[in-house]
């Protein structure tokens, strides 16, 4: 418990799909002065993200889908290239990402390894992302993937080399932060390329 903070009031502004709250609190600054502060906080739960990589081919599996917030914020097509990811609705992060991998990519993975966790946008959003990596092989492909129809998902799958993926980051073709973080992790820790092209 942070003794410098005291929550005074919480109001629900919207509770449609996710929850938007207005939180009023007192905050004791580092100089000792106490301020009254109000912030809007968006609660959407926590999430998990997974980079699937092929150890022999040095390739990764990425997804491509339409994201209306990105479109409204100036992304020309609204189609973002991302790693497999999803909200933790039930179970723990590892169970969630295994389920999401099957739904989105069709790969049945069991060897997922957590590499780190981070807050996605802590100035306004409570969400914490759990980041995983897992190797894949062709025999692990059990379904077509593409997402769930009842969640209105329409996901295209991409298999690209790590060099191509990192080139897409620096060319601005990949703009999703969770994807960039996991690709950089792969490039730094897992990829054995002695002379990367990015």
Protein backbone atom coordinates (compact mmCIF):
# COMPACT_ATOMS: atom_id res chain seq x y z
CA UNK A 1 0.00 0.00 0.00
CA UNK A 2 1.41 3.38 -1.05
CA UNK A 3 1.14 5.75 1.93
CA UNK A 4 1.54 8.75 -0.37
CA UNK A 5 -1.76 7.97 -2.14
CA UNK A 6 -5.31 7.88 -0.77
CA UNK A 7 -8.20 7.00 -3.09
CA UNK A 8 -11.06 9.35 -2.29
CA UNK A 9 -13.75 8.57 -4.87
CA UNK A 10 -14.31 6.29 -7.85
CA UNK A 11 -17.04 6.95 -10.41
CA UNK A 12 -18.09 4.68 -13.30
CA UNK A 13 -18.25 6.76 -16.48
CA UNK A 14 -18.90 3.88 -18.87
CA UNK A 15 -19.40 0.15 -18.39
CA UNK A 16 -20.29 -1.02 -21.88
CA UNK A 17 -17.60 -3.44 -23.12
CA UNK A 18 -14.77 -2.37 -20.84
CA UNK A 19 -14.94 0.00 -17.85
CA UNK A 20 -14.01 3.67 -17.81
CA UNK A 21 -13.69 5.20 -14.34
CA UNK A 22 -12.95 8.62 -12.91
CA UNK A 23 -10.68 8.22 -9.89
CA UNK A 24 -10.15 11.08 -7.43
CA UNK A 25 -7.26 10.76 -4.99
CA UNK A 26 -4.90 12.71 -2.78
CA UNK A 27 -1.23 12.48 -3.59
CA UNK A 28 1.69 13.57 -1.43
CA UNK A 29 4.41 14.89 -3.73
CA UNK A 30 8.11 14.31 -3.14
CA UNK A 31 8.35 17.88 -1.72
CA UNK A 32 5.71 16.98 0.90
CA UNK A 33 2.86 18.99 -0.63
CA UNK A 34 -0.48 17.13 -0.85
CA UNK A 35 -2.50 17.57 -4.05
CA UNK A 36 -6.00 16.49 -5.02
CA UNK A 37 -5.93 14.76 -8.39
CA UNK A 38 -8.58 13.27 -10.74
CA UNK A 39 -7.76 10.85 -13.54
CA UNK A 40 -9.78 8.79 -15.99
CA UNK A 41 -8.78 5.14 -15.86
CA UNK A 42 -9.65 2.56 -18.51
CA UNK A 43 -10.00 -0.99 -17.19
CA UNK A 44 -9.92 -3.70 -19.84
CA UNK A 45 -8.28 -6.55 -17.93
CA UNK A 46 -4.83 -8.00 -18.50
CA UNK A 47 -3.50 -9.61 -21.64
CA UNK A 48 -0.97 -12.07 -22.97
CA UNK A 49 1.12 -11.96 -26.14
CA UNK A 50 3.15 -14.69 -27.86
CA UNK A 51 5.87 -14.70 -30.50
CA UNK A 52 5.99 -18.01 -32.36
CA UNK A 53 9.43 -18.66 -33.85
CA UNK A 54 10.91 -21.50 -35.91
CA UNK A 55 14.34 -22.50 -34.64
CA UNK A 56 15.55 -24.00 -37.92
CA UNK A 57 14.04 -21.64 -40.49
CA UNK A 58 14.55 -18.53 -38.29
CA UNK A 59 11.02 -17.40 -39.12
CA UNK A 60 8.18 -16.00 -37.02
CA UNK A 61 4.39 -16.23 -37.25
CA UNK A 62 2.58 -12.88 -37.22
CA UNK A 63 -1.06 -11.92 -37.56
CA UNK A 64 -2.73 -9.15 -39.55
CA UNK A 65 -6.11 -7.74 -38.63
CA UNK A 66 -8.15 -4.54 -38.73
CA UNK A 67 -7.89 -2.31 -35.64
CA UNK A 68 -10.41 0.52 -35.58
CA UNK A 69 -8.55 2.62 -32.93
CA UNK A 70 -5.42 2.65 -35.12
CA UNK A 71 -7.54 3.53 -38.16
CA UNK A 72 -9.18 6.42 -36.30
CA UNK A 73 -5.72 7.64 -35.24
CA UNK A 74 -4.41 7.97 -38.77
CA UNK A 75 -3.24 4.48 -39.77
CA UNK A 76 -4.06 4.46 -43.46
CA UNK A 77 -5.53 0.96 -43.75
CA UNK A 78 -6.16 0.13 -40.10
CA UNK A 79 -4.65 -3.33 -40.64
CA UNK A 80 -1.92 -3.94 -38.06
CA UNK A 81 0.69 -6.69 -38.11
CA UNK A 82 0.97 -8.20 -34.64
CA UNK A 83 2.02 -11.20 -32.61
CA UNK A 84 -0.67 -13.55 -31.35
CA UNK A 85 -2.37 -12.00 -28.31
CA UNK A 86 -5.54 -11.90 -26.27
CA UNK A 87 -7.24 -10.84 -23.08
CA UNK A 88 -6.99 -13.05 -19.97
CA UNK A 89 -10.69 -13.78 -19.55
CA UNK A 90 -10.30 -17.12 -17.81
CA UNK A 91 -7.35 -19.12 -16.53
CA UNK A 92 -3.82 -17.86 -16.12
CA UNK A 93 -1.67 -16.03 -18.70
CA UNK A 94 0.01 -19.22 -19.94
CA UNK A 95 -3.31 -21.04 -20.47
CA UNK A 96 -4.69 -17.96 -22.19
CA UNK A 97 -1.85 -17.61 -24.67
CA UNK A 98 -1.92 -21.31 -25.57
CA UNK A 99 -5.65 -20.97 -26.30
CA UNK A 100 -5.11 -17.77 -28.29
CA UNK A 101 -2.33 -19.39 -30.31
CA UNK A 102 -4.70 -22.14 -31.41
CA UNK A 103 -7.57 -19.75 -32.17
CA UNK A 104 -5.50 -17.19 -34.08
CA UNK A 105 -2.75 -19.26 -35.71
CA UNK A 106 -3.91 -22.88 -35.54
CA UNK A 107 -0.67 -23.94 -33.83
CA UNK A 108 -0.90 -26.12 -30.73
CA UNK A 109 2.02 -25.04 -28.55
CA UNK A 110 3.02 -26.43 -25.20
CA UNK A 111 6.51 -25.06 -24.74
CA UNK A 112 5.60 -21.44 -24.03
CA UNK A 113 8.14 -19.48 -22.00
CA UNK A 114 7.37 -16.21 -20.25
CA UNK A 115 10.02 -13.58 -20.89
CA UNK A 116 8.65 -10.47 -19.15
CA UNK A 117 5.54 -8.48 -18.30
CA UNK A 118 4.80 -4.78 -18.71
CA UNK A 119 2.04 -2.20 -18.44
CA UNK A 120 0.82 -1.27 -21.91
CA UNK A 121 -0.13 2.38 -21.29
CA UNK A 122 0.11 3.13 -17.54
CA UNK A 123 -0.94 6.76 -17.80
CA UNK A 124 -4.54 5.79 -18.53
CA UNK A 125 -4.98 2.00 -18.85
CA UNK A 126 -4.72 -0.63 -16.08
CA UNK A 127 -3.79 -3.45 -18.49
CA UNK A 128 -0.64 -5.46 -17.83
CA UNK A 129 0.66 -7.60 -20.70
CA UNK A 130 2.37 -10.96 -20.12
CA UNK A 131 4.89 -11.67 -22.90
CA UNK A 132 5.74 -15.20 -24.07
CA UNK A 133 7.81 -16.92 -26.75
CA UNK A 134 7.42 -20.45 -28.12
CA UNK A 135 8.99 -22.42 -30.92
CA UNK A 136 6.77 -23.92 -33.60
CA UNK A 137 7.15 -26.65 -36.19
CA UNK A 138 4.96 -27.64 -39.10
CA UNK A 139 3.51 -30.74 -37.35
CA UNK A 140 2.08 -28.49 -34.62
CA UNK A 141 -0.37 -26.89 -37.05
CA UNK A 142 -3.73 -28.40 -36.04
CA UNK A 143 -6.27 -25.89 -37.37
CA UNK A 144 -6.51 -23.07 -39.90
CA UNK A 145 -6.48 -20.33 -37.29
CA UNK A 146 -7.83 -16.92 -38.26
CA UNK A 147 -9.64 -16.15 -35.01
CA UNK A 148 -13.12 -16.82 -33.70
CA UNK A 149 -16.18 -15.95 -35.76
CA UNK A 150 -18.28 -15.25 -32.67
CA UNK A 151 -15.74 -12.57 -31.68
CA UNK A 152 -15.85 -11.10 -35.21
CA UNK A 153 -12.16 -11.85 -35.75
CA UNK A 154 -10.79 -11.99 -39.30
CA UNK A 155 -7.08 -12.71 -38.94
CA UNK A 156 -4.57 -13.25 -41.75
CA UNK A 157 -1.41 -15.20 -40.93
CA UNK A 158 2.07 -14.21 -42.05
CA UNK A 159 5.24 -16.29 -41.83
CA UNK A 160 8.33 -14.13 -42.33
CA UNK A 161 12.03 -14.31 -41.49
CA UNK A 162 13.29 -12.41 -38.46
CA UNK A 163 15.31 -10.19 -40.81
CA UNK A 164 12.17 -9.34 -42.78
CA UNK A 165 10.17 -8.74 -39.61
CA UNK A 166 12.76 -6.38 -38.15
CA UNK A 167 12.97 -4.60 -41.49
CA UNK A 168 9.19 -4.11 -41.31
CA UNK A 169 9.58 -2.55 -37.85
CA UNK A 170 12.10 0.02 -39.07
CA UNK A 171 10.13 0.68 -42.24
CA UNK A 172 7.03 1.48 -40.17
CA UNK A 173 5.08 -1.52 -41.45
CA UNK A 174 4.90 -2.99 -37.92
CA UNK A 175 3.65 -0.39 -35.44
CA UNK A 176 2.23 -2.54 -32.63
CA UNK A 177 4.32 -2.10 -29.48
CA UNK A 178 3.88 -5.62 -28.07
CA UNK A 179 5.02 -7.05 -31.40
CA UNK A 180 8.05 -4.77 -31.57
CA UNK A 181 9.07 -5.74 -28.03
CA UNK A 182 8.87 -9.47 -28.71
CA UNK A 183 10.63 -9.20 -32.08
CA UNK A 184 13.46 -7.25 -30.49
CA UNK A 185 13.66 -9.87 -27.72
CA UNK A 186 13.90 -12.60 -30.36
CA UNK A 187 16.52 -10.70 -32.33
CA UNK A 188 18.65 -10.07 -29.23
CA UNK A 189 18.26 -13.36 -27.36
CA UNK A 190 17.18 -16.10 -29.77
CA UNK A 191 18.18 -15.33 -33.35
CA UNK A 192 21.63 -16.55 -34.31
CA UNK A 193 22.11 -14.27 -37.30
CA UNK A 194 25.70 -12.92 -37.17
CA UNK A 195 24.95 -10.11 -39.63
CA UNK A 196 21.36 -8.92 -39.41
CA UNK A 197 20.05 -6.84 -42.32
CA UNK A 198 18.06 -4.32 -40.25
